[in-house]
């Protein structure tokens, strides 16, 4: 399926999106939600119990992420280690690591995909203090993983926490980490992260493309495509 962005959705993509629709991973509300970025939207990207209550969806998401990471891993990288931005990102990171191992999804540098857990609150007691479980390892390349991207603030905040814990940055940039976003809301966040120095940004899906696919599959009404396109346009204008 050809999407508005030009991306072509495969059979596997469409099956994954159908599973997301069944679990209500993305919802459309009559009244707008207030997002963490401060903007309001009638479209909400979840990835919480709607993901973890559905093992088949967890597996499909993990397989997609692991495959994307494999395509973007450089031979100069260390072992790719996913760090989910809490709390939602942790489920994505764990799923990708487990599926990669079980399905034998190989990284180009021969390393196994793994993950670590970032806390919402910095730990100040016990032997493992800090934001992330475990000491930094120079033999690993750390990836930030999150369910969605709006204005990029949570990714910048997570970057600051990794630096505070002295986690080494990516081999392709001295100040930032590779980052995987499950759904980009297309409201300027990607551009802001690039301006902040992020060079390896991987997006699984764009919100407009997903809603378009839902409409083509007759899972959502066609007017939802016009609605999300108008929201994206308005929020981009507000962000200028």
Protein backbone atom coordinates (compact mmCIF):
# COMPACT_ATOMS: atom_id res chain seq x y z
CA UNK A 1 0.00 0.00 0.00
CA UNK A 2 1.34 3.42 -1.02
CA UNK A 3 0.97 5.98 1.79
CA UNK A 4 0.85 9.81 1.75
CA UNK A 5 4.52 10.07 2.78
CA UNK A 6 5.58 7.79 -0.07
CA UNK A 7 6.33 4.86 2.21
CA UNK A 8 5.05 1.52 0.96
CA UNK A 9 3.41 -0.69 3.57
CA UNK A 10 4.05 -4.40 3.13
CA UNK A 11 1.69 -7.22 4.04
CA UNK A 12 3.49 -7.53 7.38
CA UNK A 13 3.07 -3.80 8.05
CA UNK A 14 -0.65 -3.99 7.34
CA UNK A 15 -1.08 -7.03 9.58
CA UNK A 16 0.73 -5.18 12.36
CA UNK A 17 -1.47 -2.11 11.88
CA UNK A 18 -4.60 -4.28 12.00
CA UNK A 19 -3.41 -5.69 15.32
CA UNK A 20 -2.76 -2.15 16.58
CA UNK A 21 -6.27 -1.15 15.56
CA UNK A 22 -7.76 -4.15 17.37
CA UNK A 23 -5.96 -3.25 20.60
CA UNK A 24 -6.77 0.49 20.24
CA UNK A 25 -3.09 1.44 20.14
CA UNK A 26 -4.17 4.74 18.54
CA UNK A 27 -7.49 6.27 19.51
CA UNK A 28 -9.61 9.07 18.07
CA UNK A 29 -11.66 10.99 20.62
CA UNK A 30 -14.59 13.36 20.27
CA UNK A 31 -12.80 15.69 22.68
CA UNK A 32 -9.11 16.58 22.37
CA UNK A 33 -6.46 15.17 24.69
CA UNK A 34 -3.82 17.41 26.28
CA UNK A 35 -0.44 16.00 25.26
CA UNK A 36 2.82 16.19 27.21
CA UNK A 37 4.02 18.80 24.72
CA UNK A 38 1.20 21.13 25.78
CA UNK A 39 -0.76 20.87 22.53
CA UNK A 40 -4.19 19.30 22.20
CA UNK A 41 -5.06 16.50 19.82
CA UNK A 42 -7.99 14.19 19.17
CA UNK A 43 -5.53 11.46 18.16
CA UNK A 44 -3.67 9.70 20.95
CA UNK A 45 -0.82 7.21 20.60
CA UNK A 46 -0.87 4.79 23.52
CA UNK A 47 1.45 1.77 23.72
CA UNK A 48 0.65 0.95 27.32
CA UNK A 49 -1.72 -1.86 28.39
CA UNK A 50 -3.09 -1.81 24.84
CA UNK A 51 0.34 -3.20 23.89
CA UNK A 52 1.28 -5.34 26.89
CA UNK A 53 -2.14 -7.02 27.16
CA UNK A 54 -1.74 -8.35 23.61
CA UNK A 55 1.25 -10.71 23.31
CA UNK A 56 0.85 -11.10 19.54
CA UNK A 57 1.12 -7.35 19.09
CA UNK A 58 4.11 -7.21 21.46
CA UNK A 59 5.83 -9.82 19.30
CA UNK A 60 5.05 -8.04 16.04
CA UNK A 61 6.24 -4.68 17.40
CA UNK A 62 9.42 -6.27 18.73
CA UNK A 63 10.15 -7.91 15.36
CA UNK A 64 9.64 -4.63 13.49
CA UNK A 65 11.91 -2.69 15.85
CA UNK A 66 14.63 -5.36 15.84
CA UNK A 67 14.60 -5.40 12.03
CA UNK A 68 14.86 -1.60 11.85
CA UNK A 69 17.73 -1.54 14.34
CA UNK A 70 19.56 -4.21 12.33
CA UNK A 71 19.27 -2.08 9.19
CA UNK A 72 20.65 0.99 10.97
CA UNK A 73 23.45 -0.64 12.99
CA UNK A 74 26.92 0.35 11.79
CA UNK A 75 29.86 -2.05 11.72
CA UNK A 76 31.73 0.42 13.93
CA UNK A 77 29.00 0.21 16.56
CA UNK A 78 29.23 -1.82 19.71
CA UNK A 79 26.50 -4.18 20.87
CA UNK A 80 23.22 -2.35 20.18
CA UNK A 81 21.51 -1.75 23.52
CA UNK A 82 18.00 -0.29 23.56
CA UNK A 83 16.96 2.03 26.38
CA UNK A 84 13.26 2.76 26.45
CA UNK A 85 12.16 6.22 27.56
CA UNK A 86 9.97 5.48 30.61
CA UNK A 87 7.61 4.19 31.08
CA UNK A 88 6.18 3.26 27.70
CA UNK A 89 9.48 2.86 25.89
CA UNK A 90 10.65 0.08 28.20
CA UNK A 91 8.12 -2.40 26.76
CA UNK A 92 9.27 -1.63 23.22
CA UNK A 93 12.94 -2.12 24.09
CA UNK A 94 12.35 -5.40 25.87
CA UNK A 95 10.13 -6.75 23.08
CA UNK A 96 12.73 -6.02 20.41
CA UNK A 97 15.53 -7.69 22.36
CA UNK A 98 13.53 -10.84 23.09
CA UNK A 99 12.23 -11.24 19.53
CA UNK A 100 15.67 -10.60 18.02
CA UNK A 101 17.11 -13.43 20.12
CA UNK A 102 14.27 -15.88 19.49
CA UNK A 103 14.07 -15.19 15.74
CA UNK A 104 17.82 -14.93 15.21
CA UNK A 105 17.68 -11.38 13.84
CA UNK A 106 21.36 -10.61 13.32
CA UNK A 107 23.04 -7.24 13.60
CA UNK A 108 25.56 -6.34 10.84
CA UNK A 109 28.39 -6.16 13.39
CA UNK A 110 27.66 -9.66 14.71
CA UNK A 111 26.45 -8.45 18.12
CA UNK A 112 23.25 -9.47 19.89
CA UNK A 113 20.55 -6.88 20.47
CA UNK A 114 19.99 -6.21 24.19
CA UNK A 115 18.24 -3.63 26.38
CA UNK A 116 18.48 -1.75 29.66
CA UNK A 117 15.86 -0.06 31.83
CA UNK A 118 15.70 3.68 32.48
CA UNK A 119 13.85 4.82 35.59
CA UNK A 120 11.34 7.64 35.86
CA UNK A 121 12.98 8.71 39.14
CA UNK A 122 16.74 8.64 39.68
CA UNK A 123 17.78 5.99 42.20
CA UNK A 124 19.84 7.40 45.09
CA UNK A 125 20.36 4.26 47.19
CA UNK A 126 21.92 0.82 46.84
CA UNK A 127 24.78 -0.23 44.55
CA UNK A 128 23.08 0.73 41.27
CA UNK A 129 22.38 4.44 41.52
CA UNK A 130 21.45 6.62 38.60
CA UNK A 131 18.83 6.77 35.88
CA UNK A 132 19.69 3.51 34.11
CA UNK A 133 20.19 0.02 35.55
CA UNK A 134 23.81 -0.95 35.03
CA UNK A 135 27.11 0.82 34.54
CA UNK A 136 27.97 2.24 31.10
CA UNK A 137 29.77 -0.20 28.82
CA UNK A 138 32.11 1.16 26.16
CA UNK A 139 31.44 -1.97 24.13
CA UNK A 140 27.79 -1.06 23.65
CA UNK A 141 25.98 1.46 21.45
CA UNK A 142 22.95 2.90 23.21
CA UNK A 143 19.66 3.59 21.44
CA UNK A 144 16.77 5.58 22.85
CA UNK A 145 13.37 4.05 22.07
CA UNK A 146 9.93 5.63 22.51
CA UNK A 147 6.34 5.10 21.43
CA UNK A 148 5.81 8.51 19.86
CA UNK A 149 7.37 11.86 18.96
CA UNK A 150 5.65 15.23 19.21
CA UNK A 151 8.04 18.06 20.10
CA UNK A 152 11.11 16.03 21.06
CA UNK A 153 11.38 17.29 24.65
CA UNK A 154 11.24 13.85 26.27
CA UNK A 155 14.05 12.63 23.99
CA UNK A 156 16.22 15.61 24.92
CA UNK A 157 15.48 15.00 28.61
CA UNK A 158 16.39 11.31 28.27
CA UNK A 159 19.62 12.29 26.51
CA UNK A 160 20.53 14.54 29.44
CA UNK A 161 19.90 11.64 31.86
CA UNK A 162 22.14 9.28 29.90
CA UNK A 163 24.89 11.88 29.87
CA UNK A 164 24.44 12.36 33.61
CA UNK A 165 25.00 8.62 34.04
CA UNK A 166 28.05 8.96 31.74
CA UNK A 167 26.68 6.70 29.02
CA UNK A 168 28.77 7.09 25.83
CA UNK A 169 27.05 8.69 22.85
CA UNK A 170 26.73 7.21 19.38
CA UNK A 171 29.74 6.52 17.18
CA UNK A 172 28.34 8.86 14.52
CA UNK A 173 27.88 11.87 16.83
CA UNK A 174 29.71 12.88 20.05
CA UNK A 175 26.72 14.48 21.81
CA UNK A 176 23.61 12.47 20.94
CA UNK A 177 22.34 8.90 20.81
CA UNK A 178 20.68 6.96 18.01
CA UNK A 179 16.93 7.12 18.51
CA UNK A 180 14.01 4.97 17.35
CA UNK A 181 10.48 6.36 17.34
CA UNK A 182 7.52 4.05 16.84
CA UNK A 183 5.09 6.73 15.61
CA UNK A 184 6.05 10.27 14.59
CA UNK A 185 3.13 12.66 15.03
CA UNK A 186 4.74 14.85 12.32
CA UNK A 187 4.43 18.04 14.34
CA UNK A 188 8.01 19.29 14.17
CA UNK A 189 9.70 17.00 16.67
CA UNK A 190 11.92 15.29 14.12
CA UNK A 191 13.20 18.62 12.83
CA UNK A 192 13.91 19.81 16.39
CA UNK A 193 15.91 16.70 17.19
CA UNK A 194 17.95 17.09 14.00
CA UNK A 195 18.61 20.72 14.95
CA UNK A 196 19.79 19.49 18.37
CA UNK A 197 22.39 17.27 16.69
CA UNK A 198 20.63 13.92 16.39
CA UNK A 199 21.90 12.22 13.24
CA UNK A 200 20.54 8.67 13.49
CA UNK A 201 16.77 8.97 13.83
CA UNK A 202 14.65 5.99 12.83
CA UNK A 203 10.86 6.28 12.55
CA UNK A 204 8.79 3.12 12.21
CA UNK A 205 5.56 4.85 11.15
CA UNK A 206 4.12 8.32 10.55
CA UNK A 207 0.76 9.12 12.13
CA UNK A 208 -0.82 10.33 8.89
CA UNK A 209 0.27 7.17 7.06
CA UNK A 210 -1.18 4.95 9.79
CA UNK A 211 -4.53 6.74 9.80
CA UNK A 212 -4.58 6.63 5.99
CA UNK A 213 -3.99 2.86 6.11
CA UNK A 214 -6.74 2.47 8.70
CA UNK A 215 -9.13 4.26 6.35
CA UNK A 216 -8.06 2.20 3.32
CA UNK A 217 -8.58 -0.97 5.35
CA UNK A 218 -12.01 0.34 6.39
CA UNK A 219 -11.04 0.27 10.04
CA UNK A 220 -11.61 4.03 10.45
CA UNK A 221 -13.76 6.55 8.59
CA UNK A 222 -12.12 8.37 5.68
CA UNK A 223 -12.75 11.73 7.34
CA UNK A 224 -10.17 10.77 9.98
CA UNK A 225 -7.44 11.21 7.35
CA UNK A 226 -8.52 14.80 6.68
CA UNK A 227 -8.75 15.43 10.43
CA UNK A 228 -5.24 14.24 11.24
CA UNK A 229 -3.79 16.06 8.22
CA UNK A 230 -5.41 19.30 9.40
CA UNK A 231 -4.12 18.79 12.95
CA UNK A 232 -0.59 18.25 11.66
CA UNK A 233 -0.81 21.38 9.51
CA UNK A 234 -2.12 23.53 12.37
CA UNK A 235 0.42 22.32 14.91
CA UNK A 236 3.30 22.86 12.50
CA UNK A 237 2.10 26.44 11.98
CA UNK A 238 1.90 26.96 15.76
CA UNK A 239 5.42 25.61 16.17
CA UNK A 240 6.95 28.11 13.76
